[in-house]
Structures are given as structure tokens and as C-alpha cells.
Amino acid sequence: VTDVLIAANTLANASAQQFSEALTSEAGPAMKSFGIELEEGVAVLAAYADQGIKAQHAGNMFSRMLRLMTKGFMDNREAWERFSINIFDATGELKPLYTIIGDLSKVLNNMSTEQKIATLELLGFQARSQQAILPLIGLQDNIKRYNVNERHHTGFQLVDSLIITPFGIRKAGINRK
């Protein structure tokens, strides 16, 4: 975990401590619940950090974004399909987050502010929940790049899952690449 946080620290606008705080607030449990690997989750937290959203606030936003996006998709599937967006792959797992953010960005890219708000509401993102997704719109390439760079720099591969304890987060089952 330390390697991933240090790599994120060198790539994005936040400290390893701030990434750790984000993970131990709500991001870590959300990643575990939704099957998101550490590097991918930290890449999204790095994108939030580049928007000035850091530490516990970033962890809370990340968790809220995942919960509201999946609920919005399940409750408004027809609207998502109208925009040709599916957040799940053929096996029923979440697609990579940079892919989902990219699909949303393509839809919202050339819209006016009013159209973006209306479209997000149609997709199930109510006014308060839009603040969790809007900072990520247009940052799919950054998220993908952060994810690839973190995997390259760490020298580790996540094998099992994160173990969240009162003393922090650690990986259960680390293999050297």
C-alpha cells in the first residue's frame, strides 16, 4: 500500500498521508465492496486531488460517487442506455472507472450547464450527488495514466483484498511482480 501511496504522491497534487486518510475514511471500504483494485481507486483519488479534493473529503466523495452512480444506473437503466453507457462489463463487474468517466464525459462534453444538470438528473445524479461526479468529468485520461503509472512504479500486484483495521489499510496477499 505504501508504494501505491508514494507513487500517487509523486504523480498527483496530494501527500501520501492525504491518500491514506482518503482510503481509511470511506474510499477503502467502497473499493472493497465494488471490487476496485487499490491502484485504480487511488488513481481516482489522485484525480480528485488535482481538483483540490483531498484526504477524508476525497474518500467520502469517492464512496458517494460509486454508490450514487451504481444506484443511478440500476434505477435509470433506460436513460443510461439512451446515452449508450453501461457501467458493467459482460460478467457483471464494474468497467474500469476511467472508462465509465470517459463515457459520461463524452455525453456531457458539448452540453451547456443547464443540459449537463438535466442529463445528470436523468441518469440519477440529483443536485447534491452531482458534486461527487462533476469533478471527475473530463479526467478519464488522467485517471488511466495515474493507474498505469502507479502499477508501473509500485512493483507489487494486489492479489486478494484490502484489510482495513483501526491502524490503517494493508493488503492481504502481496506478490512481487
Protein backbone atom coordinates (compact mmCIF):
# COMPACT_ATOMS: atom_id res chain seq x y z
CA VAL A 1 0.00 0.00 0.00
CA THR A 2 2.81 2.39 0.88
CA ASP A 3 4.32 2.02 -2.60
CA VAL A 4 0.99 2.91 -4.22
CA LEU A 5 0.52 5.95 -1.96
CA ILE A 6 4.08 7.18 -2.59
CA ALA A 7 3.61 6.71 -6.35
CA ALA A 8 0.32 8.65 -6.19
CA ASN A 9 2.05 11.36 -4.15
CA THR A 10 4.66 11.83 -6.88
CA LEU A 11 2.04 11.87 -9.66
CA ALA A 12 -0.74 13.99 -8.19
CA ASN A 13 -1.43 17.03 -6.05
CA ALA A 14 -1.70 15.30 -2.62
CA SER A 15 0.54 13.77 0.01
CA ALA A 16 0.78 10.08 0.86
CA GLN A 17 -0.85 11.00 4.20
CA GLN A 18 -3.83 12.57 2.41
CA PHE A 19 -4.25 9.48 0.22
CA SER A 20 -4.09 7.31 3.34
CA GLU A 21 -6.76 9.44 5.02
CA ALA A 22 -8.99 9.11 1.94
CA LEU A 23 -8.60 5.33 1.96
CA THR A 24 -9.29 4.96 5.68
CA SER A 25 -12.37 7.17 5.58
CA GLU A 26 -14.77 5.74 3.02
CA ALA A 27 -12.79 5.04 -0.14
CA GLY A 28 -11.16 1.81 1.07
CA PRO A 29 -14.40 0.11 2.14
CA ALA A 30 -16.11 1.28 -1.08
CA MET A 31 -13.28 -0.13 -3.19
CA LYS A 32 -13.57 -3.45 -1.40
CA SER A 33 -17.38 -3.53 -1.80
CA PHE A 34 -17.25 -2.74 -5.52
CA GLY A 35 -14.21 -4.89 -6.38
CA ILE A 36 -11.96 -1.98 -7.30
CA GLU A 37 -8.22 -2.59 -7.08
CA LEU A 38 -6.11 -0.30 -4.93
CA GLU A 39 -4.25 1.28 -7.85
CA GLU A 40 -7.45 2.10 -9.73
CA GLY A 41 -9.09 3.61 -6.66
CA VAL A 42 -6.04 5.68 -5.80
CA ALA A 43 -5.93 6.88 -9.44
CA VAL A 44 -9.45 8.30 -8.98
CA LEU A 45 -8.42 9.84 -5.64
CA ALA A 46 -5.47 11.44 -7.48
CA ALA A 47 -7.89 12.98 -9.98
CA TYR A 48 -9.96 14.35 -7.10
CA ALA A 49 -6.75 15.71 -5.54
CA ASP A 50 -5.94 17.55 -8.76
CA GLN A 51 -9.31 19.27 -8.34
CA GLY A 52 -8.45 20.27 -4.75
CA ILE A 53 -10.48 17.48 -3.13
CA LYS A 54 -8.21 15.62 -0.72
CA ALA A 55 -7.96 13.44 2.37
CA GLN A 56 -11.23 12.43 4.07
CA HIS A 57 -13.26 14.66 1.78
CA ALA A 58 -11.89 12.77 -1.26
CA GLY A 59 -12.62 9.42 0.38
CA ASN A 60 -16.19 10.47 1.09
CA MET A 61 -16.65 11.81 -2.46
CA PHE A 62 -15.23 8.62 -3.97
CA SER A 63 -17.58 6.43 -1.94
CA ARG A 64 -20.57 8.67 -2.70
CA MET A 65 -19.72 8.69 -6.42
CA LEU A 66 -19.66 4.88 -6.56
CA ARG A 67 -22.86 4.41 -4.55
CA LEU A 68 -24.81 7.06 -6.43
CA MET A 69 -23.53 6.05 -9.85
CA THR A 70 -24.43 2.38 -9.37
CA LYS A 71 -27.81 3.24 -7.84
CA GLY A 72 -28.49 5.75 -10.61
CA PHE A 73 -27.65 3.13 -13.20
CA MET A 74 -29.86 0.48 -11.62
CA ASP A 75 -32.78 2.88 -11.14
CA ASN A 76 -32.46 4.63 -14.52
CA ARG A 77 -31.00 1.97 -16.80
CA GLU A 78 -33.08 3.09 -19.79
CA ALA A 79 -31.69 6.63 -19.57
CA TRP A 80 -28.12 5.31 -19.39
CA GLU A 81 -28.81 3.03 -22.38
CA ARG A 82 -30.20 6.02 -24.31
CA PHE A 83 -26.74 7.56 -23.98
CA SER A 84 -25.05 4.21 -24.80
CA ILE A 85 -23.46 3.92 -21.37
CA ASN A 86 -23.20 0.66 -19.47
CA ILE A 87 -21.15 0.69 -16.27
CA PHE A 88 -20.90 -3.11 -16.12
CA ASP A 89 -18.91 -5.48 -18.31
CA ALA A 90 -20.23 -8.76 -19.74
CA THR A 91 -19.51 -10.58 -16.45
CA GLY A 92 -21.46 -8.06 -14.34
CA GLU A 93 -18.39 -6.37 -12.86
CA LEU A 94 -17.81 -2.62 -12.95
CA LYS A 95 -15.92 -1.48 -16.01
CA PRO A 96 -12.70 0.40 -15.29
CA LEU A 97 -13.59 3.74 -13.71
CA TYR A 98 -11.68 5.70 -16.37
CA THR A 99 -13.92 4.04 -18.99
CA ILE A 100 -17.12 4.97 -17.14
CA ILE A 101 -15.90 8.53 -16.51
CA GLY A 102 -14.88 8.74 -20.18
CA ASP A 103 -18.31 7.60 -21.37
CA LEU A 104 -20.02 10.16 -19.12
CA SER A 105 -17.58 12.85 -20.28
CA LYS A 106 -18.34 12.16 -23.95
CA VAL A 107 -22.05 12.56 -23.28
CA LEU A 108 -21.66 15.78 -21.27
CA ASN A 109 -18.75 17.30 -23.21
CA ASN A 110 -20.56 19.68 -25.58
CA MET A 111 -23.60 20.39 -23.40
CA SER A 112 -24.49 23.67 -21.78
CA THR A 113 -24.50 23.80 -17.98
CA GLU A 114 -28.28 23.51 -17.98
CA GLN A 115 -28.17 20.46 -20.25
CA LYS A 116 -25.47 18.80 -18.10
CA ILE A 117 -27.55 19.25 -14.95
CA ALA A 118 -30.67 17.89 -16.65
CA THR A 119 -28.77 14.92 -18.13
CA LEU A 120 -27.13 14.05 -14.81
CA GLU A 121 -30.54 14.18 -13.10
CA LEU A 122 -31.91 11.88 -15.80
CA LEU A 123 -29.07 9.46 -15.03
CA GLY A 124 -29.94 9.53 -11.34
CA PHE A 125 -27.46 12.13 -10.07
CA GLN A 126 -29.57 14.57 -8.08
CA ALA A 127 -28.23 18.08 -7.39
CA ARG A 128 -26.28 17.20 -4.23
CA SER A 129 -24.87 13.99 -5.70
CA GLN A 130 -23.62 15.76 -8.83
CA GLN A 131 -20.78 17.23 -6.77
CA ALA A 132 -19.31 13.71 -6.49
CA ILE A 133 -19.15 13.08 -10.25
CA LEU A 134 -18.62 16.53 -11.80
CA PRO A 135 -15.00 16.97 -10.57
CA LEU A 136 -14.06 13.79 -12.48
CA ILE A 137 -15.71 14.70 -15.79
CA GLY A 138 -13.04 15.06 -18.47
CA LEU A 139 -10.30 13.48 -16.32
CA GLN A 140 -10.57 9.92 -17.67
CA ASP A 141 -7.16 10.13 -19.36
CA ASN A 142 -5.54 11.33 -16.12
CA ILE A 143 -7.19 8.51 -14.18
CA LYS A 144 -5.98 5.95 -16.71
CA ARG A 145 -2.46 7.42 -16.72
CA TYR A 146 -2.29 7.52 -12.90
CA ASN A 147 -3.48 3.92 -12.73
CA VAL A 148 -0.87 2.72 -15.24
CA ASN A 149 1.91 4.75 -13.62
CA GLU A 150 1.08 3.51 -10.12
CA ARG A 151 1.16 -0.10 -11.31
CA HIS A 152 4.49 0.54 -13.04
CA HIS A 153 6.11 2.26 -10.04
CA THR A 154 4.96 0.00 -7.24
CA GLY A 155 6.48 -3.36 -8.10
CA PHE A 156 3.56 -5.02 -6.38
CA GLN A 157 0.37 -6.67 -7.54
CA LEU A 158 -2.82 -6.83 -5.49
CA VAL A 159 -3.78 -10.48 -5.09
CA ASP A 160 -6.58 -10.62 -2.56
CA SER A 161 -8.21 -7.64 -0.93
CA LEU A 162 -7.59 -4.73 1.34
CA ILE A 163 -7.72 -5.32 5.06
CA ILE A 164 -8.94 -2.26 6.88
CA THR A 165 -8.00 -2.07 10.55
CA PRO A 166 -8.17 0.71 13.14
CA PHE A 167 -4.44 1.20 12.45
CA GLY A 168 -4.76 1.68 8.69
CA ILE A 169 -5.03 -0.32 5.49
CA ARG A 170 -2.88 -3.18 4.35
CA LYS A 171 -3.02 -5.67 1.52
CA ALA A 172 -3.94 -9.25 2.24
CA GLY A 173 -1.72 -11.22 -0.08
CA ILE A 174 1.02 -9.31 -1.86
CA ASN A 175 3.05 -10.85 -4.65
CA ARG A 176 6.14 -9.35 -6.22
CA LYS A 177 5.79 -8.81 -9.96
